[in-house]
Amino acid sequence: EGLIHVVQRVRDLLGLDTGEPGAFSPFEARVVEAV
């Protein structure tokens, strides 16, 4: 259930839609930034 959103998170992480690597989730990105 909700696999479509898991797949989109992988796409965001690897930058498949933007050409730039990103993060698996906004929360995870903020934690990495915080440390």
PDB file of all heavy atoms in Angstrom:
ATOM      1  N   GLU A   1       0.840  -1.198   0.000  1.00  0.00           N
ATOM      2  CA  GLU A   1       0.000   0.000   0.000  1.00  0.00           C
ATOM      3  C   GLU A   1       0.881   1.257   0.000  1.00  0.00           C
ATOM      4  O   GLU A   1       1.805   1.396   0.790  1.00  0.00           O
ATOM      5  CB  GLU A   1      -0.911   0.010   1.227  1.00  0.00           C
ATOM      6  CG  GLU A   1      -1.910   1.153   1.226  1.00  0.00           C
ATOM      7  CD  GLU A   1      -2.902   1.040   2.371  1.00  0.00           C
ATOM      8  OE1 GLU A   1      -2.940  -0.029   3.023  1.00  0.00           O
ATOM      9  OE2 GLU A   1      -3.637   2.005   2.602  1.00  0.00           O
ATOM     10  N   GLY A   2       0.582   2.185  -0.910  1.00  0.00           N
ATOM     11  CA  GLY A   2       1.353   3.416  -0.995  1.00  0.00           C
ATOM     12  C   GLY A   2       2.718   3.267  -1.631  1.00  0.00           C
ATOM     13  O   GLY A   2       3.570   4.151  -1.511  1.00  0.00           O
ATOM     14  N   LEU A   3       2.947   2.172  -2.354  1.00  0.00           N
ATOM     15  CA  LEU A   3       4.249   1.945  -2.993  1.00  0.00           C
ATOM     16  C   LEU A   3       4.632   3.094  -3.927  1.00  0.00           C
ATOM     17  O   LEU A   3       5.804   3.432  -4.056  1.00  0.00           O
ATOM     18  CB  LEU A   3       4.214   0.626  -3.778  1.00  0.00           C
ATOM     19  CG  LEU A   3       5.458   0.253  -4.581  1.00  0.00           C
ATOM     20  CD1 LEU A   3       6.648   0.024  -3.665  1.00  0.00           C
ATOM     21  CD2 LEU A   3       5.187  -0.992  -5.435  1.00  0.00           C
ATOM     22  N   ILE A   4       3.647   3.707  -4.564  1.00  0.00           N
ATOM     23  CA  ILE A   4       3.930   4.806  -5.493  1.00  0.00           C
ATOM     24  C   ILE A   4       4.732   5.914  -4.812  1.00  0.00           C
ATOM     25  O   ILE A   4       5.612   6.521  -5.416  1.00  0.00           O
ATOM     26  CB  ILE A   4       2.611   5.361  -6.093  1.00  0.00           C
ATOM     27  CG1 ILE A   4       2.905   6.428  -7.153  1.00  0.00           C
ATOM     28  CG2 ILE A   4       1.686   5.897  -5.005  1.00  0.00           C
ATOM     29  CD1 ILE A   4       1.668   6.888  -7.901  1.00  0.00           C
ATOM     30  N   HIS A   5       4.471   6.156  -3.518  1.00  0.00           N
ATOM     31  CA  HIS A   5       5.178   7.221  -2.808  1.00  0.00           C
ATOM     32  C   HIS A   5       6.580   6.787  -2.377  1.00  0.00           C
ATOM     33  O   HIS A   5       7.504   7.605  -2.339  1.00  0.00           O
ATOM     34  CB  HIS A   5       4.358   7.675  -1.603  1.00  0.00           C
ATOM     35  CG  HIS A   5       2.978   8.120  -1.979  1.00  0.00           C
ATOM     36  ND1 HIS A   5       2.746   9.071  -2.952  1.00  0.00           N
ATOM     37  CD2 HIS A   5       1.750   7.713  -1.554  1.00  0.00           C
ATOM     38  CE1 HIS A   5       1.443   9.254  -3.087  1.00  0.00           C
ATOM     39  NE2 HIS A   5       0.830   8.440  -2.264  1.00  0.00           N
ATOM     40  N   VAL A   6       6.746   5.506  -2.077  1.00  0.00           N
ATOM     41  CA  VAL A   6       8.085   4.980  -1.782  1.00  0.00           C
ATOM     42  C   VAL A   6       8.972   5.118  -3.014  1.00  0.00           C
ATOM     43  O   VAL A   6      10.131   5.563  -2.936  1.00  0.00           O
ATOM     44  CB  VAL A   6       8.005   3.509  -1.339  1.00  0.00           C
ATOM     45  CG1 VAL A   6       9.412   2.914  -1.193  1.00  0.00           C
ATOM     46  CG2 VAL A   6       7.247   3.381  -0.024  1.00  0.00           C
ATOM     47  N   VAL A   7       8.435   4.758  -4.173  1.00  0.00           N
ATOM     48  CA  VAL A   7       9.193   4.855  -5.421  1.00  0.00           C
ATOM     49  C   VAL A   7       9.558   6.310  -5.713  1.00  0.00           C
ATOM     50  O   VAL A   7      10.681   6.607  -6.138  1.00  0.00           O
ATOM     51  CB  VAL A   7       8.392   4.245  -6.583  1.00  0.00           C
ATOM     52  CG1 VAL A   7       9.072   4.526  -7.920  1.00  0.00           C
ATOM     53  CG2 VAL A   7       8.244   2.738  -6.388  1.00  0.00           C
ATOM     54  N   GLN A   8       8.635   7.241  -5.458  1.00  0.00           N
ATOM     55  CA  GLN A   8       8.940   8.648  -5.702  1.00  0.00           C
ATOM     56  C   GLN A   8      10.058   9.139  -4.783  1.00  0.00           C
ATOM     57  O   GLN A   8      10.895   9.945  -5.187  1.00  0.00           O
ATOM     58  CB  GLN A   8       7.689   9.505  -5.504  1.00  0.00           C
ATOM     59  CG  GLN A   8       7.885  10.974  -5.859  1.00  0.00           C
ATOM     60  CD  GLN A   8       8.295  11.173  -7.316  1.00  0.00           C
ATOM     61  OE1 GLN A   8       7.654  10.623  -8.215  1.00  0.00           O
ATOM     62  NE2 GLN A   8       9.339  11.955  -7.559  1.00  0.00           N
ATOM     63  N   ARG A   9      10.089   8.648  -3.551  1.00  0.00           N
ATOM     64  CA  ARG A   9      11.170   9.032  -2.636  1.00  0.00           C
ATOM     65  C   ARG A   9      12.523   8.554  -3.159  1.00  0.00           C
ATOM     66  O   ARG A   9      13.526   9.255  -3.033  1.00  0.00           O
ATOM     67  CB  ARG A   9      10.919   8.470  -1.246  1.00  0.00           C
ATOM     68  CG  ARG A   9       9.814   9.186  -0.480  1.00  0.00           C
ATOM     69  CD  ARG A   9       9.769   8.715   0.950  1.00  0.00           C
ATOM     70  NE  ARG A   9       8.852   9.511   1.751  1.00  0.00           N
ATOM     71  CZ  ARG A   9       8.823   9.519   3.075  1.00  0.00           C
ATOM     72  NH1 ARG A   9       9.680   8.754   3.746  1.00  0.00           N
ATOM     73  NH2 ARG A   9       7.971  10.268   3.735  1.00  0.00           N
ATOM     74  N   VAL A  10      12.553   7.370  -3.740  1.00  0.00           N
ATOM     75  CA  VAL A  10      13.798   6.870  -4.329  1.00  0.00           C
ATOM     76  C   VAL A  10      14.200   7.751  -5.509  1.00  0.00           C
ATOM     77  O   VAL A  10      15.378   8.095  -5.672  1.00  0.00           O
ATOM     78  CB  VAL A  10      13.644   5.401  -4.773  1.00  0.00           C
ATOM     79  CG1 VAL A  10      14.912   4.917  -5.474  1.00  0.00           C
ATOM     80  CG2 VAL A  10      13.342   4.509  -3.566  1.00  0.00           C
ATOM     81  N   ARG A  11      13.231   8.125  -6.327  1.00  0.00           N
ATOM     82  CA  ARG A  11      13.510   9.010  -7.458  1.00  0.00           C
ATOM     83  C   ARG A  11      14.071  10.351  -6.978  1.00  0.00           C
ATOM     84  O   ARG A  11      15.012  10.889  -7.558  1.00  0.00           O
ATOM     85  CB  ARG A  11      12.250   9.228  -8.296  1.00  0.00           C
ATOM     86  CG  ARG A  11      11.668   7.960  -8.923  1.00  0.00           C
ATOM     87  CD  ARG A  11      10.509   8.285  -9.859  1.00  0.00           C
ATOM     88  NE  ARG A  11      10.992   9.043 -11.000  1.00  0.00           N
ATOM     89  CZ  ARG A  11      11.503   8.504 -12.103  1.00  0.00           C
ATOM     90  NH1 ARG A  11      11.577   7.182 -12.217  1.00  0.00           N
ATOM     91  NH2 ARG A  11      11.925   9.267 -13.105  1.00  0.00           N
ATOM     92  N   ASP A  12      13.478  10.899  -5.917  1.00  0.00           N
ATOM     93  CA  ASP A  12      13.973  12.161  -5.359  1.00  0.00           C
ATOM     94  C   ASP A  12      15.402  12.011  -4.841  1.00  0.00           C
ATOM     95  O   ASP A  12      16.257  12.873  -5.060  1.00  0.00           O
ATOM     96  CB  ASP A  12      13.069  12.629  -4.216  1.00  0.00           C
ATOM     97  CG  ASP A  12      11.688  13.053  -4.692  1.00  0.00           C
ATOM     98  OD1 ASP A  12      11.523  13.322  -5.891  1.00  0.00           O
ATOM     99  OD2 ASP A  12      10.766  13.103  -3.853  1.00  0.00           O
ATOM    100  N   LEU A  13      15.658  10.913  -4.138  1.00  0.00           N
ATOM    101  CA  LEU A  13      16.982  10.671  -3.566  1.00  0.00           C
ATOM    102  C   LEU A  13      18.055  10.624  -4.644  1.00  0.00           C
ATOM    103  O   LEU A  13      19.143  11.186  -4.488  1.00  0.00           O
ATOM    104  CB  LEU A  13      16.971   9.356  -2.781  1.00  0.00           C
ATOM    105  CG  LEU A  13      18.277   8.926  -2.120  1.00  0.00           C
ATOM    106  CD1 LEU A  13      18.550   9.766  -0.887  1.00  0.00           C
ATOM    107  CD2 LEU A  13      18.238   7.446  -1.764  1.00  0.00           C
ATOM    108  N   LEU A  14      17.745   9.960  -5.759  1.00  0.00           N
ATOM    109  CA  LEU A  14      18.724   9.761  -6.819  1.00  0.00           C
ATOM    110  C   LEU A  14      18.698  10.860  -7.872  1.00  0.00           C
ATOM    111  O   LEU A  14      19.511  10.845  -8.805  1.00  0.00           O
ATOM    112  CB  LEU A  14      18.491   8.393  -7.482  1.00  0.00           C
ATOM    113  CG  LEU A  14      18.622   7.181  -6.553  1.00  0.00           C
ATOM    114  CD1 LEU A  14      18.281   5.904  -7.306  1.00  0.00           C
ATOM    115  CD2 LEU A  14      20.023   7.096  -5.958  1.00  0.00           C
ATOM    116  N   GLY A  15      17.754  11.791  -7.758  1.00  0.00           N
ATOM    117  CA  GLY A  15      17.681  12.894  -8.714  1.00  0.00           C
ATOM    118  C   GLY A  15      17.241  12.471 -10.099  1.00  0.00           C
ATOM    119  O   GLY A  15      17.645  13.082 -11.098  1.00  0.00           O
ATOM    120  N   LEU A  16      16.403  11.452 -10.208  1.00  0.00           N
ATOM    121  CA  LEU A  16      15.997  10.968 -11.528  1.00  0.00           C
ATOM    122  C   LEU A  16      15.105  11.956 -12.269  1.00  0.00           C
ATOM    123  O   LEU A  16      15.037  11.931 -13.497  1.00  0.00           O
ATOM    124  CB  LEU A  16      15.265   9.619 -11.388  1.00  0.00           C
ATOM    125  CG  LEU A  16      16.111   8.446 -10.903  1.00  0.00           C
ATOM    126  CD1 LEU A  16      15.285   7.180 -10.851  1.00  0.00           C
ATOM    127  CD2 LEU A  16      17.321   8.248 -11.800  1.00  0.00           C
ATOM    128  N   ASP A  17      14.395  12.809 -11.545  1.00  0.00           N
ATOM    129  CA  ASP A  17      13.515  13.788 -12.193  1.00  0.00           C
ATOM    130  C   ASP A  17      14.150  15.162 -12.312  1.00  0.00           C
ATOM    131  O   ASP A  17      13.707  15.989 -13.114  1.00  0.00           O
ATOM    132  CB  ASP A  17      12.200  13.909 -11.410  1.00  0.00           C
ATOM    133  CG  ASP A  17      11.427  12.606 -11.371  1.00  0.00           C
ATOM    134  OD1 ASP A  17      11.353  11.933 -12.415  1.00  0.00           O
ATOM    135  OD2 ASP A  17      10.908  12.246 -10.297  1.00  0.00           O
ATOM    136  N   THR A  18      15.170  15.431 -11.532  1.00  0.00           N
ATOM    137  CA  THR A  18      15.746  16.772 -11.486  1.00  0.00           C
ATOM    138  C   THR A  18      17.191  16.833 -11.954  1.00  0.00           C
ATOM    139  O   THR A  18      17.698  17.915 -12.249  1.00  0.00           O
ATOM    140  CB  THR A  18      15.693  17.330 -10.053  1.00  0.00           C
ATOM    141  OG1 THR A  18      16.494  16.489  -9.200  1.00  0.00           O
ATOM    142  CG2 THR A  18      14.268  17.361  -9.532  1.00  0.00           C
ATOM    143  N   GLY A  19      17.861  15.686 -11.998  1.00  0.00           N
ATOM    144  CA  GLY A  19      19.273  15.667 -12.347  1.00  0.00           C
ATOM    145  C   GLY A  19      20.196  15.976 -11.183  1.00  0.00           C
ATOM    146  O   GLY A  19      21.417  15.926 -11.320  1.00  0.00           O
ATOM    147  N   GLU A  20      19.608  16.289 -10.033  1.00  0.00           N
ATOM    148  CA  GLU A  20      20.385  16.596  -8.836  1.00  0.00           C
ATOM    149  C   GLU A  20      20.014  15.640  -7.719  1.00  0.00           C
ATOM    150  O   GLU A  20      18.838  15.447  -7.430  1.00  0.00           O
ATOM    151  CB  GLU A  20      20.117  18.035  -8.376  1.00  0.00           C
ATOM    152  CG  GLU A  20      20.547  19.112  -9.344  1.00  0.00           C
ATOM    153  CD  GLU A  20      22.061  19.229  -9.412  1.00  0.00           C
ATOM    154  OE1 GLU A  20      22.719  18.872  -8.412  1.00  0.00           O
ATOM    155  OE2 GLU A  20      22.575  19.677 -10.428  1.00  0.00           O
ATOM    156  N   PRO A  21      21.008  15.010  -7.055  1.00  0.00           N
ATOM    157  CA  PRO A  21      20.681  14.107  -5.949  1.00  0.00           C
ATOM    158  C   PRO A  21      20.016  14.868  -4.818  1.00  0.00           C
ATOM    159  O   PRO A  21      20.354  16.025  -4.544  1.00  0.00           O
ATOM    160  CB  PRO A  21      22.046  13.549  -5.521  1.00  0.00           C
ATOM    161  CG  PRO A  21      23.041  14.558  -6.003  1.00  0.00           C
ATOM    162  CD  PRO A  21      22.469  15.133  -7.259  1.00  0.00           C
ATOM    163  N   GLY A  22      19.057  14.238  -4.179  1.00  0.00           N
ATOM    164  CA  GLY A  22      18.326  14.877  -3.100  1.00  0.00           C
ATOM    165  C   GLY A  22      18.355  14.056  -1.836  1.00  0.00           C
ATOM    166  O   GLY A  22      19.377  13.462  -1.489  1.00  0.00           O
ATOM    167  N   ALA A  23      17.218  14.000  -1.160  1.00  0.00           N
ATOM    168  CA  ALA A  23      17.100  13.261   0.094  1.00  0.00           C
ATOM    169  C   ALA A  23      15.914  12.314  -0.003  1.00  0.00           C
ATOM    170  O   ALA A  23      15.016  12.494  -0.822  1.00  0.00           O
ATOM    171  CB  ALA A  23      16.919  14.219   1.266  1.00  0.00           C
ATOM    172  N   PHE A  24      15.923  11.315   0.856  1.00  0.00           N
ATOM    173  CA  PHE A  24      14.825  10.347   0.846  1.00  0.00           C
ATOM    174  C   PHE A  24      13.537  10.959   1.365  1.00  0.00           C
ATOM    175  O   PHE A  24      12.457  10.549   0.971  1.00  0.00           O
ATOM    176  CB  PHE A  24      15.219   9.127   1.681  1.00  0.00           C
ATOM    177  CG  PHE A  24      14.253   7.986   1.543  1.00  0.00           C
ATOM    178  CD1 PHE A  24      14.171   7.271   0.361  1.00  0.00           C
ATOM    179  CD2 PHE A  24      13.417   7.638   2.595  1.00  0.00           C
ATOM    180  CE1 PHE A  24      13.271   6.222   0.222  1.00  0.00           C
ATOM    181  CE2 PHE A  24      12.515   6.593   2.470  1.00  0.00           C
ATOM    182  CZ  PHE A  24      12.445   5.884   1.276  1.00  0.00           C
ATOM    183  N   SER A  25      13.636  11.932   2.251  1.00  0.00           N
ATOM    184  CA  SER A  25      12.447  12.611   2.769  1.00  0.00           C
ATOM    185  C   SER A  25      12.853  13.992   3.279  1.00  0.00           C
ATOM    186  O   SER A  25      14.023  14.206   3.634  1.00  0.00           O
ATOM    187  CB  SER A  25      11.808  11.816   3.910  1.00  0.00           C
ATOM    188  OG  SER A  25      12.620  11.867   5.071  1.00  0.00           O
ATOM    189  N   PRO A  26      11.919  14.943   3.332  1.00  0.00           N
ATOM    190  CA  PRO A  26      12.246  16.257   3.893  1.00  0.00           C
ATOM    191  C   PRO A  26      12.747  16.171   5.330  1.00  0.00           C
ATOM    192  O   PRO A  26      13.667  16.894   5.722  1.00  0.00           O
ATOM    193  CB  PRO A  26      10.915  17.017   3.803  1.00  0.00           C
ATOM    194  CG  PRO A  26      10.178  16.355   2.686  1.00  0.00           C
ATOM    195  CD  PRO A  26      10.559  14.904   2.774  1.00  0.00           C
ATOM    196  N   PHE A  27      12.152  15.269   6.123  1.00  0.00           N
ATOM    197  CA  PHE A  27      12.588  15.130   7.507  1.00  0.00           C
ATOM    198  C   PHE A  27      14.034  14.676   7.584  1.00  0.00           C
ATOM    199  O   PHE A  27      14.854  15.233   8.319  1.00  0.00           O
ATOM    200  CB  PHE A  27      11.680  14.146   8.244  1.00  0.00           C
ATOM    201  CG  PHE A  27      12.137  13.852   9.649  1.00  0.00           C
ATOM    202  CD1 PHE A  27      11.952  14.771  10.661  1.00  0.00           C
ATOM    203  CD2 PHE A  27      12.784  12.657   9.951  1.00  0.00           C
ATOM    204  CE1 PHE A  27      12.391  14.512  11.957  1.00  0.00           C
ATOM    205  CE2 PHE A  27      13.220  12.381  11.232  1.00  0.00           C
ATOM    206  CZ  PHE A  27      13.019  13.319  12.243  1.00  0.00           C
ATOM    207  N   GLU A  28      14.374  13.650   6.814  1.00  0.00           N
ATOM    208  CA  GLU A  28      15.746  13.146   6.821  1.00  0.00           C
ATOM    209  C   GLU A  28      16.721  14.231   6.373  1.00  0.00           C
ATOM    210  O   GLU A  28      17.821  14.363   6.940  1.00  0.00           O
ATOM    211  CB  GLU A  28      15.845  11.927   5.906  1.00  0.00           C
ATOM    212  CG  GLU A  28      17.137  11.149   6.030  1.00  0.00           C
ATOM    213  CD  GLU A  28      17.072   9.827   5.303  1.00  0.00           C
ATOM    214  OE1 GLU A  28      16.329   8.931   5.744  1.00  0.00           O
ATOM    215  OE2 GLU A  28      17.745   9.685   4.265  1.00  0.00           O
ATOM    216  N   ALA A  29      16.324  15.031   5.372  1.00  0.00           N
ATOM    217  CA  ALA A  29      17.190  16.112   4.891  1.00  0.00           C
ATOM    218  C   ALA A  29      17.451  17.138   5.988  1.00  0.00           C
ATOM    219  O   ALA A  29      18.578  17.616   6.158  1.00  0.00           O
ATOM    220  CB  ALA A  29      16.555  16.785   3.677  1.00  0.00           C
ATOM    221  N   ARG A  30      16.414  17.462   6.758  1.00  0.00           N
ATOM    222  CA  ARG A  30      16.574  18.449   7.817  1.00  0.00           C
ATOM    223  C   ARG A  30      17.465  17.928   8.938  1.00  0.00           C
ATOM    224  O   ARG A  30      18.236  18.689   9.535  1.00  0.00           O
ATOM    225  CB  ARG A  30      15.203  18.844   8.370  1.00  0.00           C
ATOM    226  CG  ARG A  30      14.348  19.653   7.402  1.00  0.00           C
ATOM    227  CD  ARG A  30      14.866  21.070   7.241  1.00  0.00           C
ATOM    228  NE  ARG A  30      14.873  21.789   8.503  1.00  0.00           N
ATOM    229  CZ  ARG A  30      13.816  22.397   9.016  1.00  0.00           C
ATOM    230  NH1 ARG A  30      12.645  22.356   8.387  1.00  0.00           N
ATOM    231  NH2 ARG A  30      13.913  23.041  10.165  1.00  0.00           N
ATOM    232  N   VAL A  31      17.370  16.641   9.228  1.00  0.00           N
ATOM    233  CA  VAL A  31      18.235  16.065  10.261  1.00  0.00           C
ATOM    234  C   VAL A  31      19.694  16.119   9.819  1.00  0.00           C
ATOM    235  O   VAL A  31      20.583  16.497  10.589  1.00  0.00           O
ATOM    236  CB  VAL A  31      17.814  14.612  10.575  1.00  0.00           C
ATOM    237  CG1 VAL A  31      18.829  13.958  11.510  1.00  0.00           C
ATOM    238  CG2 VAL A  31      16.427  14.572  11.193  1.00  0.00           C
ATOM    239  N   VAL A  32      19.947  15.733   8.565  1.00  0.00           N
ATOM    240  CA  VAL A  32      21.316  15.780   8.039  1.00  0.00           C
ATOM    241  C   VAL A  32      21.842  17.210   8.092  1.00  0.00           C
ATOM    242  O   VAL A  32      22.997  17.455   8.475  1.00  0.00           O
ATOM    243  CB  VAL A  32      21.359  15.234   6.599  1.00  0.00           C
ATOM    244  CG1 VAL A  32      22.740  15.447   5.991  1.00  0.00           C
ATOM    245  CG2 VAL A  32      20.999  13.751   6.582  1.00  0.00           C
ATOM    246  N   GLU A  33      20.992  18.159   7.729  1.00  0.00           N
ATOM    247  CA  GLU A  33      21.396  19.565   7.782  1.00  0.00           C
ATOM    248  C   GLU A  33      21.683  20.008   9.214  1.00  0.00           C
ATOM    249  O   GLU A  33      22.637  20.747   9.479  1.00  0.00           O
ATOM    250  CB  GLU A  33      20.295  20.439   7.180  1.00  0.00           C
ATOM    251  CG  GLU A  33      20.606  21.929   7.177  1.00  0.00           C
ATOM    252  CD  GLU A  33      19.453  22.760   6.637  1.00  0.00           C
ATOM    253  OE1 GLU A  33      18.385  22.183   6.338  1.00  0.00           O
ATOM    254  OE2 GLU A  33      19.609  23.984   6.530  1.00  0.00           O
ATOM    255  N   ALA A  34      20.854  19.532  10.159  1.00  0.00           N
ATOM    256  CA  ALA A  34      21.010  19.951  11.555  1.00  0.00           C
ATOM    257  C   ALA A  34      22.339  19.509  12.144  1.00  0.00           C
ATOM    258  O   ALA A  34      22.907  20.197  12.997  1.00  0.00           O
ATOM    259  CB  ALA A  34      19.851  19.409  12.395  1.00  0.00           C
ATOM    260  N   VAL A  35      22.844  18.358  11.704  1.00  0.00           N
ATOM    261  CA  VAL A  35      24.133  17.879  12.219  1.00  0.00           C
ATOM    262  C   VAL A  35      25.267  18.209  11.247  1.00  0.00           C
ATOM    263  O   VAL A  35      26.361  17.650  11.345  1.00  0.00           O
ATOM    264  CB  VAL A  35      24.105  16.366  12.524  1.00  0.00           C
ATOM    265  CG1 VAL A  35      23.068  16.065  13.572  1.00  0.00           C
ATOM    266  CG2 VAL A  35      23.868  15.548  11.266  1.00  0.00           C
TER     267      VAL A  35
END
